[in-house]
Amino acid sequence: MSEETFGVGPEYHIPDALWQQMVCVLPSPKARKKDGRPRMDDRQAMTAIFYVLRTGCQWKALPRSLGAASTVHDRFQEWREAQVFERLWQAGLLTYETLKGLDWEWQAMDGAITKAPLGGEKGGQEPDRSWQARDQTECADGRPWPAPRRRRGGRQSP
């Protein structure tokens, strides 16, 4: 492991062997038009980006030892536009294919769209029908629904 720790624990460091593979995917830095601060080290920037992605913290909550949040975010945007992360993902898949093998014939996508189990805030969204229209609906057996009780003040419950 290199001596650069960037002020975070070892679990957030990019191992040297992995970093050597990542360097091949990074674009060369853009030519500088004017003098100013030197460009942030690519390894430090990638460490900071992975820190944000791994911890889920906001950019502004990034530890200062990893760099200025705006600088790290700018580098993230630059690399995102250059498709660095997509190429890293592809390289990772190819490496895994070489080491373990992938069944390219079988693919699966996982996802779910369901109602939140706790339902969120009370009140929720406004209904798409007026109170009068809902008051006039009928039960399946033809009887009208009981009239809703109205509360005083605030939003009315159904």
Protein backbone atom coordinates (compact mmCIF):
# COMPACT_ATOMS: atom_id res chain seq x y z
CA MET A 1 0.00 0.00 0.00
CA SER A 2 1.33 3.44 -0.77
CA GLU A 3 2.02 5.89 2.01
CA GLU A 4 -0.78 8.20 0.87
CA THR A 5 -3.69 7.82 3.29
CA PHE A 6 -5.63 11.02 2.51
CA GLY A 7 -6.81 11.12 6.11
CA VAL A 8 -9.25 8.21 5.95
CA GLY A 9 -9.05 4.68 7.30
CA PRO A 10 -7.49 1.87 5.31
CA GLU A 11 -10.88 0.46 4.33
CA TYR A 12 -11.33 3.46 2.00
CA HIS A 13 -7.93 3.19 0.28
CA ILE A 14 -7.60 1.99 -3.28
CA PRO A 15 -5.07 -0.88 -3.32
CA ASP A 16 -1.94 -0.24 -5.42
CA ALA A 17 -2.63 -3.13 -7.81
CA LEU A 18 -6.17 -1.92 -8.46
CA TRP A 19 -5.00 1.66 -8.89
CA GLN A 20 -2.50 0.56 -11.56
CA GLN A 21 -5.40 -0.95 -13.52
CA MET A 22 -7.56 2.15 -13.02
CA VAL A 23 -4.90 4.54 -14.30
CA CYS A 24 -5.20 2.97 -17.76
CA VAL A 25 -8.84 4.05 -17.97
CA LEU A 26 -8.40 7.67 -16.83
CA PRO A 27 -8.28 10.35 -19.52
CA SER A 28 -5.25 12.59 -19.75
CA PRO A 29 -5.76 15.91 -17.96
CA LYS A 30 -6.98 18.85 -20.01
CA ALA A 31 -4.39 21.47 -20.90
CA ARG A 32 -4.32 24.32 -18.39
CA LYS A 33 -5.11 27.76 -19.75
CA LYS A 34 -3.88 29.80 -16.82
CA ASP A 35 -1.76 29.57 -13.73
CA GLY A 36 -3.28 28.62 -10.43
CA ARG A 37 -3.42 25.75 -8.04
CA PRO A 38 -1.98 22.50 -9.30
CA ARG A 39 -4.43 19.83 -10.37
CA MET A 40 -5.61 17.51 -7.60
CA ASP A 41 -3.93 14.10 -7.65
CA ASP A 42 -6.05 11.59 -9.57
CA ARG A 43 -5.71 8.90 -6.91
CA GLN A 44 -6.81 11.30 -4.19
CA ALA A 45 -9.78 12.38 -6.32
CA MET A 46 -10.81 8.78 -6.99
CA THR A 47 -10.43 7.92 -3.30
CA ALA A 48 -12.68 10.86 -2.41
CA ILE A 49 -15.28 9.90 -5.05
CA PHE A 50 -15.37 6.30 -3.83
CA TYR A 51 -15.65 7.58 -0.25
CA VAL A 52 -18.79 9.55 -1.17
CA LEU A 53 -20.25 6.65 -3.13
CA ARG A 54 -19.49 4.10 -0.42
CA THR A 55 -20.64 6.12 2.59
CA GLY A 56 -23.55 7.87 0.89
CA CYS A 57 -22.52 11.21 2.38
CA GLN A 58 -23.23 14.46 0.60
CA TRP A 59 -20.42 16.06 -1.39
CA LYS A 60 -20.28 18.91 1.08
CA ALA A 61 -19.80 16.43 3.96
CA LEU A 62 -16.63 15.02 2.39
CA PRO A 63 -13.73 15.09 4.88
CA ARG A 64 -11.49 18.01 4.02
CA SER A 65 -8.46 15.71 4.13
CA LEU A 66 -9.76 14.10 0.92
CA GLY A 67 -9.92 17.45 -0.85
CA ALA A 68 -12.32 20.29 -1.45
CA ALA A 69 -15.83 19.02 -2.07
CA SER A 70 -16.28 21.24 -5.13
CA THR A 71 -12.99 20.05 -6.65
CA VAL A 72 -13.85 16.39 -6.08
CA HIS A 73 -17.34 16.87 -7.50
CA ASP A 74 -15.94 18.66 -10.55
CA ARG A 75 -13.57 15.74 -11.15
CA PHE A 76 -16.47 13.31 -10.72
CA GLN A 77 -18.45 15.21 -13.36
CA GLU A 78 -15.44 15.37 -15.68
CA TRP A 79 -14.85 11.62 -15.40
CA ARG A 80 -18.55 10.83 -15.68
CA GLU A 81 -18.72 12.73 -18.98
CA ALA A 82 -15.57 10.91 -20.16
CA GLN A 83 -17.32 7.59 -19.31
CA VAL A 84 -14.53 6.58 -16.92
CA PHE A 85 -16.89 4.76 -14.55
CA GLU A 86 -18.53 2.85 -17.38
CA ARG A 87 -15.11 1.73 -18.63
CA LEU A 88 -14.11 0.74 -15.08
CA TRP A 89 -17.26 -1.35 -14.85
CA GLN A 90 -16.55 -2.99 -18.21
CA ALA A 91 -12.95 -3.71 -17.22
CA GLY A 92 -14.17 -5.21 -13.95
CA LEU A 93 -16.59 -7.48 -15.79
CA LEU A 94 -13.88 -8.64 -18.18
CA THR A 95 -11.50 -9.33 -15.29
CA TYR A 96 -14.20 -11.31 -13.48
CA GLU A 97 -14.93 -13.17 -16.72
CA THR A 98 -11.27 -14.15 -16.93
CA LEU A 99 -10.98 -15.19 -13.28
CA LYS A 100 -14.35 -16.85 -12.58
CA GLY A 101 -16.31 -16.85 -15.81
CA LEU A 102 -19.69 -15.33 -16.59
CA ASP A 103 -22.69 -16.97 -18.17
CA TRP A 104 -23.41 -14.37 -20.86
CA GLU A 105 -26.48 -16.31 -22.07
CA TRP A 106 -28.43 -15.73 -18.88
CA GLN A 107 -29.21 -12.20 -17.76
CA ALA A 108 -31.45 -10.94 -14.98
CA MET A 109 -32.58 -7.53 -13.88
CA ASP A 110 -33.82 -6.92 -10.39
CA GLY A 111 -36.11 -4.15 -9.31
CA ALA A 112 -39.34 -3.43 -7.55
CA ILE A 113 -41.86 -0.65 -7.52
CA THR A 114 -44.13 -0.97 -4.54
CA LYS A 115 -45.89 1.21 -2.05
CA ALA A 116 -43.78 2.16 0.94
CA PRO A 117 -44.73 -0.12 3.84
CA LEU A 118 -45.12 2.75 6.29
CA GLY A 119 -46.88 5.01 3.82
CA GLY A 120 -44.93 8.22 4.32
CA GLU A 121 -46.42 11.39 5.79
CA LYS A 122 -50.04 11.52 6.85
CA GLY A 123 -52.19 13.27 4.31
CA GLY A 124 -50.26 12.08 1.29
CA GLN A 125 -51.18 13.33 -2.16
CA GLU A 126 -54.34 15.18 -2.96
CA PRO A 127 -57.08 12.90 -4.31
CA ASP A 128 -57.89 13.00 -8.01
CA ARG A 129 -61.65 13.13 -7.35
CA SER A 130 -63.61 15.77 -5.52
CA TRP A 131 -65.38 15.07 -2.22
CA GLN A 132 -68.72 15.27 -3.94
CA ALA A 133 -67.76 12.65 -6.51
CA ARG A 134 -66.53 10.31 -3.78
CA ASP A 135 -69.65 10.93 -1.68
CA GLN A 136 -71.78 9.80 -4.63
CA THR A 137 -70.02 6.47 -5.18
CA GLU A 138 -71.80 3.26 -4.35
CA CYS A 139 -70.80 -0.01 -2.75
CA ALA A 140 -70.64 -3.13 -4.90
CA ASP A 141 -74.16 -4.10 -3.76
CA GLY A 142 -75.63 -0.75 -4.88
CA ARG A 143 -75.87 0.90 -1.47
CA PRO A 144 -74.26 4.33 -1.12
CA TRP A 145 -71.10 4.60 0.94
CA PRO A 146 -71.61 6.14 4.35
CA ALA A 147 -70.98 9.85 4.32
CA PRO A 148 -67.43 10.66 5.42
CA ARG A 149 -67.00 12.35 8.75
CA ARG A 150 -65.57 15.83 8.42
CA ARG A 151 -62.98 17.19 10.84
CA ARG A 152 -62.80 20.80 11.77
CA GLY A 153 -59.85 22.70 10.34
CA GLY A 154 -56.97 21.34 8.32
CA ARG A 155 -57.32 18.69 5.69
CA GLN A 156 -60.49 16.61 5.63
CA SER A 157 -60.18 12.84 6.02
CA PRO A 158 -62.10 10.49 3.72
